């Protein structure tokens, strides 16, 4: 059984033949969990800020006393910048 059998297909790439800003994120996350940190970054440069975003998002659901809105918004903006820059660099 291969991990690629469980990956979601990108509708943009499948139907239009165009990669989206998120193409490569799933594979990059798998590479992080395999300990291939450099390869993960090369696959999808926003992988680490994306993982940090999800970690803090999870913390915001658990810890209701603190407000995480500002840090989450900053991470969204940073992620978008990295995603767009990575997309432009690839193409």
N, C-alpha and C. Protein backbone atom coordinates (compact mmCIF):
# COMPACT_ATOMS: atom_id res chain seq x y z
N UNK A 1 0.85 -1.18 0.00
CA UNK A 1 0.00 0.00 0.00
C UNK A 1 0.89 1.24 0.00
N UNK A 2 0.59 2.17 -0.86
CA UNK A 2 1.37 3.39 -1.02
C UNK A 2 0.58 4.57 -0.48
N UNK A 3 1.28 5.51 0.17
CA UNK A 3 0.62 6.70 0.73
C UNK A 3 -0.05 7.53 -0.36
N UNK A 4 0.49 7.48 -1.57
CA UNK A 4 -0.11 8.24 -2.68
C UNK A 4 -1.51 7.77 -3.03
N UNK A 5 -1.85 6.54 -2.63
CA UNK A 5 -3.20 6.03 -2.86
C UNK A 5 -4.24 6.79 -2.04
N UNK A 6 -3.80 7.47 -0.98
CA UNK A 6 -4.71 8.18 -0.08
C UNK A 6 -4.72 9.69 -0.30
N UNK A 7 -3.92 10.17 -1.23
CA UNK A 7 -3.84 11.61 -1.49
C UNK A 7 -5.09 12.09 -2.24
N UNK A 8 -5.54 13.27 -1.87
CA UNK A 8 -6.66 13.89 -2.58
C UNK A 8 -6.17 14.42 -3.92
N UNK A 9 -6.99 14.34 -4.93
CA UNK A 9 -6.66 14.85 -6.25
C UNK A 9 -7.03 16.33 -6.32
N UNK A 10 -6.15 17.11 -6.90
CA UNK A 10 -6.42 18.54 -7.08
C UNK A 10 -7.37 18.71 -8.26
N UNK A 11 -8.58 19.24 -8.03
CA UNK A 11 -9.53 19.42 -9.13
C UNK A 11 -9.00 20.35 -10.22
N UNK A 12 -8.27 21.39 -9.83
CA UNK A 12 -7.73 22.32 -10.80
C UNK A 12 -6.74 21.62 -11.73
N UNK A 13 -5.86 20.82 -11.15
CA UNK A 13 -4.87 20.11 -11.95
C UNK A 13 -5.52 19.01 -12.78
N UNK A 14 -6.52 18.34 -12.21
CA UNK A 14 -7.17 17.23 -12.90
C UNK A 14 -7.99 17.71 -14.10
N UNK A 15 -8.80 18.74 -13.89
CA UNK A 15 -9.73 19.16 -14.93
C UNK A 15 -9.20 20.26 -15.84
N UNK A 16 -8.33 21.12 -15.30
CA UNK A 16 -7.83 22.24 -16.10
C UNK A 16 -6.37 22.08 -16.50
N UNK A 17 -5.67 21.15 -15.82
CA UNK A 17 -4.26 20.96 -16.11
C UNK A 17 -3.38 22.04 -15.53
N UNK A 18 -3.91 22.80 -14.58
CA UNK A 18 -3.18 23.92 -13.97
C UNK A 18 -3.02 23.63 -12.49
N UNK A 19 -1.79 23.73 -11.99
CA UNK A 19 -1.57 23.56 -10.56
C UNK A 19 -2.15 24.75 -9.81
N UNK A 20 -2.69 24.46 -8.62
CA UNK A 20 -3.22 25.53 -7.78
C UNK A 20 -2.17 25.92 -6.74
N UNK A 21 -2.48 26.89 -5.91
CA UNK A 21 -1.54 27.35 -4.88
C UNK A 21 -1.28 26.29 -3.82
N UNK A 22 -2.16 25.31 -3.72
CA UNK A 22 -2.00 24.27 -2.71
C UNK A 22 -1.37 23.00 -3.21
N UNK A 23 -1.12 22.92 -4.51
CA UNK A 23 -0.54 21.69 -5.07
C UNK A 23 0.82 21.40 -4.43
N UNK A 24 0.95 20.20 -3.92
CA UNK A 24 2.19 19.78 -3.28
C UNK A 24 2.14 19.78 -1.77
N UNK A 25 1.11 20.40 -1.19
CA UNK A 25 1.03 20.51 0.27
C UNK A 25 0.90 19.14 0.94
N UNK A 26 0.06 18.28 0.41
CA UNK A 26 -0.13 16.96 1.01
C UNK A 26 1.17 16.16 0.99
N UNK A 27 1.82 16.15 -0.15
CA UNK A 27 3.07 15.41 -0.27
C UNK A 27 4.15 16.00 0.63
N UNK A 28 4.17 17.33 0.76
CA UNK A 28 5.16 17.98 1.61
C UNK A 28 4.94 17.62 3.08
N UNK A 29 3.69 17.55 3.51
CA UNK A 29 3.40 17.17 4.89
C UNK A 29 3.84 15.74 5.16
N UNK A 30 3.61 14.85 4.20
CA UNK A 30 4.07 13.47 4.34
C UNK A 30 5.60 13.45 4.45
N UNK A 31 6.28 14.25 3.64
CA UNK A 31 7.74 14.31 3.70
C UNK A 31 8.23 14.80 5.06
N UNK A 32 7.52 15.77 5.65
CA UNK A 32 7.89 16.25 6.99
C UNK A 32 7.79 15.11 7.99
N UNK A 33 6.70 14.36 7.95
CA UNK A 33 6.52 13.26 8.89
C UNK A 33 7.51 12.12 8.64
N UNK A 34 8.05 12.04 7.43
CA UNK A 34 9.09 11.07 7.13
C UNK A 34 10.48 11.58 7.50
N UNK A 35 10.55 12.84 7.97
CA UNK A 35 11.83 13.42 8.37
C UNK A 35 12.63 14.01 7.23
N UNK A 36 12.02 14.17 6.08
CA UNK A 36 12.69 14.73 4.90
C UNK A 36 12.36 16.22 4.81
N UNK A 37 12.95 16.99 5.72
CA UNK A 37 12.57 18.39 5.90
C UNK A 37 12.94 19.27 4.72
N UNK A 38 14.11 19.08 4.18
CA UNK A 38 14.54 19.89 3.03
C UNK A 38 13.69 19.58 1.80
N UNK A 39 13.43 18.30 1.58
CA UNK A 39 12.60 17.90 0.44
C UNK A 39 11.18 18.45 0.58
N UNK A 40 10.68 18.47 1.82
CA UNK A 40 9.34 19.01 2.06
C UNK A 40 9.28 20.49 1.70
N UNK A 41 10.31 21.23 2.09
CA UNK A 41 10.35 22.65 1.79
C UNK A 41 10.45 22.89 0.29
N UNK A 42 11.25 22.07 -0.39
CA UNK A 42 11.38 22.21 -1.84
C UNK A 42 10.06 21.87 -2.55
N UNK A 43 9.33 20.91 -2.01
CA UNK A 43 8.05 20.50 -2.60
C UNK A 43 7.01 21.61 -2.44
N UNK A 44 6.97 22.18 -1.21
CA UNK A 44 5.94 23.17 -0.91
C UNK A 44 6.50 24.12 0.16
N UNK A 45 7.02 25.27 -0.23
CA UNK A 45 7.72 26.16 0.71
C UNK A 45 6.88 26.61 1.92
N UNK A 46 5.59 26.61 1.81
CA UNK A 46 4.75 27.07 2.92
C UNK A 46 4.40 25.96 3.90
N UNK A 47 5.04 24.79 3.77
CA UNK A 47 4.65 23.64 4.59
C UNK A 47 4.81 23.92 6.08
N UNK A 48 5.87 24.59 6.48
CA UNK A 48 6.11 24.78 7.91
C UNK A 48 5.19 25.83 8.52
N UNK A 49 4.93 26.90 7.80
CA UNK A 49 3.99 27.89 8.31
C UNK A 49 2.57 27.34 8.29
N UNK A 50 2.28 26.46 7.35
CA UNK A 50 0.97 25.80 7.28
C UNK A 50 0.77 24.87 8.49
N UNK A 51 1.79 24.09 8.81
CA UNK A 51 1.71 23.21 9.98
C UNK A 51 1.59 24.02 11.27
N UNK A 52 2.34 25.13 11.35
CA UNK A 52 2.25 25.99 12.51
C UNK A 52 0.83 26.58 12.64
N UNK A 53 0.26 26.97 11.50
CA UNK A 53 -1.11 27.49 11.49
C UNK A 53 -2.08 26.47 12.06
N UNK A 54 -1.99 25.22 11.58
CA UNK A 54 -2.91 24.18 12.06
C UNK A 54 -2.68 23.85 13.53
N UNK A 55 -1.43 23.92 13.98
CA UNK A 55 -1.13 23.68 15.39
C UNK A 55 -1.77 24.76 16.27
N UNK A 56 -1.63 26.01 15.88
CA UNK A 56 -2.22 27.10 16.65
C UNK A 56 -3.73 27.10 16.52
N UNK A 57 -4.25 26.74 15.36
CA UNK A 57 -5.70 26.63 15.20
C UNK A 57 -6.25 25.57 16.16
N UNK A 58 -5.57 24.44 16.25
CA UNK A 58 -5.98 23.40 17.19
C UNK A 58 -5.92 23.88 18.62
N UNK A 59 -4.87 24.63 18.96
CA UNK A 59 -4.75 25.19 20.31
C UNK A 59 -5.88 26.15 20.61
N UNK A 60 -6.33 26.88 19.60
CA UNK A 60 -7.42 27.85 19.82
C UNK A 60 -8.73 27.15 20.16
N UNK A 61 -8.91 25.93 19.67
CA UNK A 61 -10.12 25.17 20.02
C UNK A 61 -10.03 24.58 21.42
N UNK A 62 -8.81 24.27 21.84
CA UNK A 62 -8.62 23.66 23.16
C UNK A 62 -8.58 24.72 24.25
N UNK A 63 -7.83 25.80 24.01
CA UNK A 63 -7.64 26.86 25.01
C UNK A 63 -8.55 28.04 24.66
N UNK A 64 -9.70 28.07 25.27
CA UNK A 64 -10.69 29.12 24.98
C UNK A 64 -10.38 30.43 25.72
N UNK A 65 -9.49 30.39 26.70
CA UNK A 65 -9.20 31.58 27.50
C UNK A 65 -8.37 32.60 26.74
N UNK A 66 -7.49 32.11 25.87
CA UNK A 66 -6.63 33.01 25.11
C UNK A 66 -7.25 33.31 23.75
N UNK A 67 -6.86 34.46 23.22
CA UNK A 67 -7.35 34.85 21.90
C UNK A 67 -6.24 34.61 20.88
N UNK A 68 -6.52 33.82 19.88
CA UNK A 68 -5.55 33.44 18.87
C UNK A 68 -5.81 34.10 17.52
N UNK A 69 -6.82 34.95 17.45
CA UNK A 69 -7.23 35.54 16.18
C UNK A 69 -6.12 36.30 15.47
N UNK A 70 -5.38 37.12 16.21
CA UNK A 70 -4.33 37.94 15.57
C UNK A 70 -3.21 37.07 15.01
N UNK A 71 -2.73 36.12 15.80
CA UNK A 71 -1.64 35.26 15.33
C UNK A 71 -2.08 34.40 14.16
N UNK A 72 -3.33 33.93 14.19
CA UNK A 72 -3.85 33.14 13.07
C UNK A 72 -3.95 33.99 11.81
N UNK A 73 -4.37 35.23 11.94
CA UNK A 73 -4.47 36.11 10.77
C UNK A 73 -3.09 36.41 10.20
N UNK A 74 -2.11 36.62 11.06
CA UNK A 74 -0.74 36.84 10.60
C UNK A 74 -0.23 35.62 9.85
N UNK A 75 -0.50 34.43 10.39
CA UNK A 75 -0.06 33.20 9.73
C UNK A 75 -0.77 33.00 8.39
N UNK A 76 -2.03 33.38 8.29
CA UNK A 76 -2.74 33.29 7.01
C UNK A 76 -2.07 34.18 5.97
N UNK A 77 -1.73 35.40 6.37
CA UNK A 77 -1.10 36.34 5.44
C UNK A 77 0.29 35.84 5.03
N UNK A 78 1.07 35.38 6.02
CA UNK A 78 2.42 34.86 5.72
C UNK A 78 2.32 33.65 4.80
N UNK A 79 1.36 32.75 5.08
CA UNK A 79 1.16 31.58 4.22
C UNK A 79 0.82 31.98 2.80
N UNK A 80 -0.08 32.92 2.65
CA UNK A 80 -0.47 33.37 1.31
C UNK A 80 0.71 33.95 0.55
N UNK A 81 1.52 34.74 1.24
CA UNK A 81 2.69 35.34 0.59
C UNK A 81 3.65 34.25 0.14
N UNK A 82 3.93 33.29 1.02
CA UNK A 82 4.84 32.20 0.67
C UNK A 82 4.26 31.34 -0.45
N UNK A 83 2.97 31.07 -0.39
CA UNK A 83 2.32 30.25 -1.42
C UNK A 83 2.40 30.91 -2.79
N UNK A 84 2.09 32.20 -2.84
CA UNK A 84 2.12 32.92 -4.11
C UNK A 84 3.56 33.02 -4.63
N UNK A 85 4.49 33.33 -3.74
CA UNK A 85 5.90 33.43 -4.16
C UNK A 85 6.40 32.08 -4.67
N UNK A 86 6.06 31.00 -3.97
CA UNK A 86 6.46 29.66 -4.41
C UNK A 86 5.84 29.29 -5.75
N UNK A 87 4.59 29.66 -5.94
CA UNK A 87 3.89 29.37 -7.19
C UNK A 87 4.54 30.12 -8.36
N UNK A 88 4.84 31.39 -8.13
CA UNK A 88 5.49 32.20 -9.17
C UNK A 88 6.88 31.65 -9.48
N UNK A 89 7.60 31.25 -8.43
CA UNK A 89 8.95 30.71 -8.62
C UNK A 89 8.92 29.42 -9.44
N UNK A 90 7.94 28.55 -9.18
CA UNK A 90 7.83 27.28 -9.90
C UNK A 90 7.49 27.49 -11.36
N UNK A 91 6.71 28.52 -11.65
CA UNK A 91 6.24 28.75 -13.02
C UNK A 91 6.94 29.93 -13.60
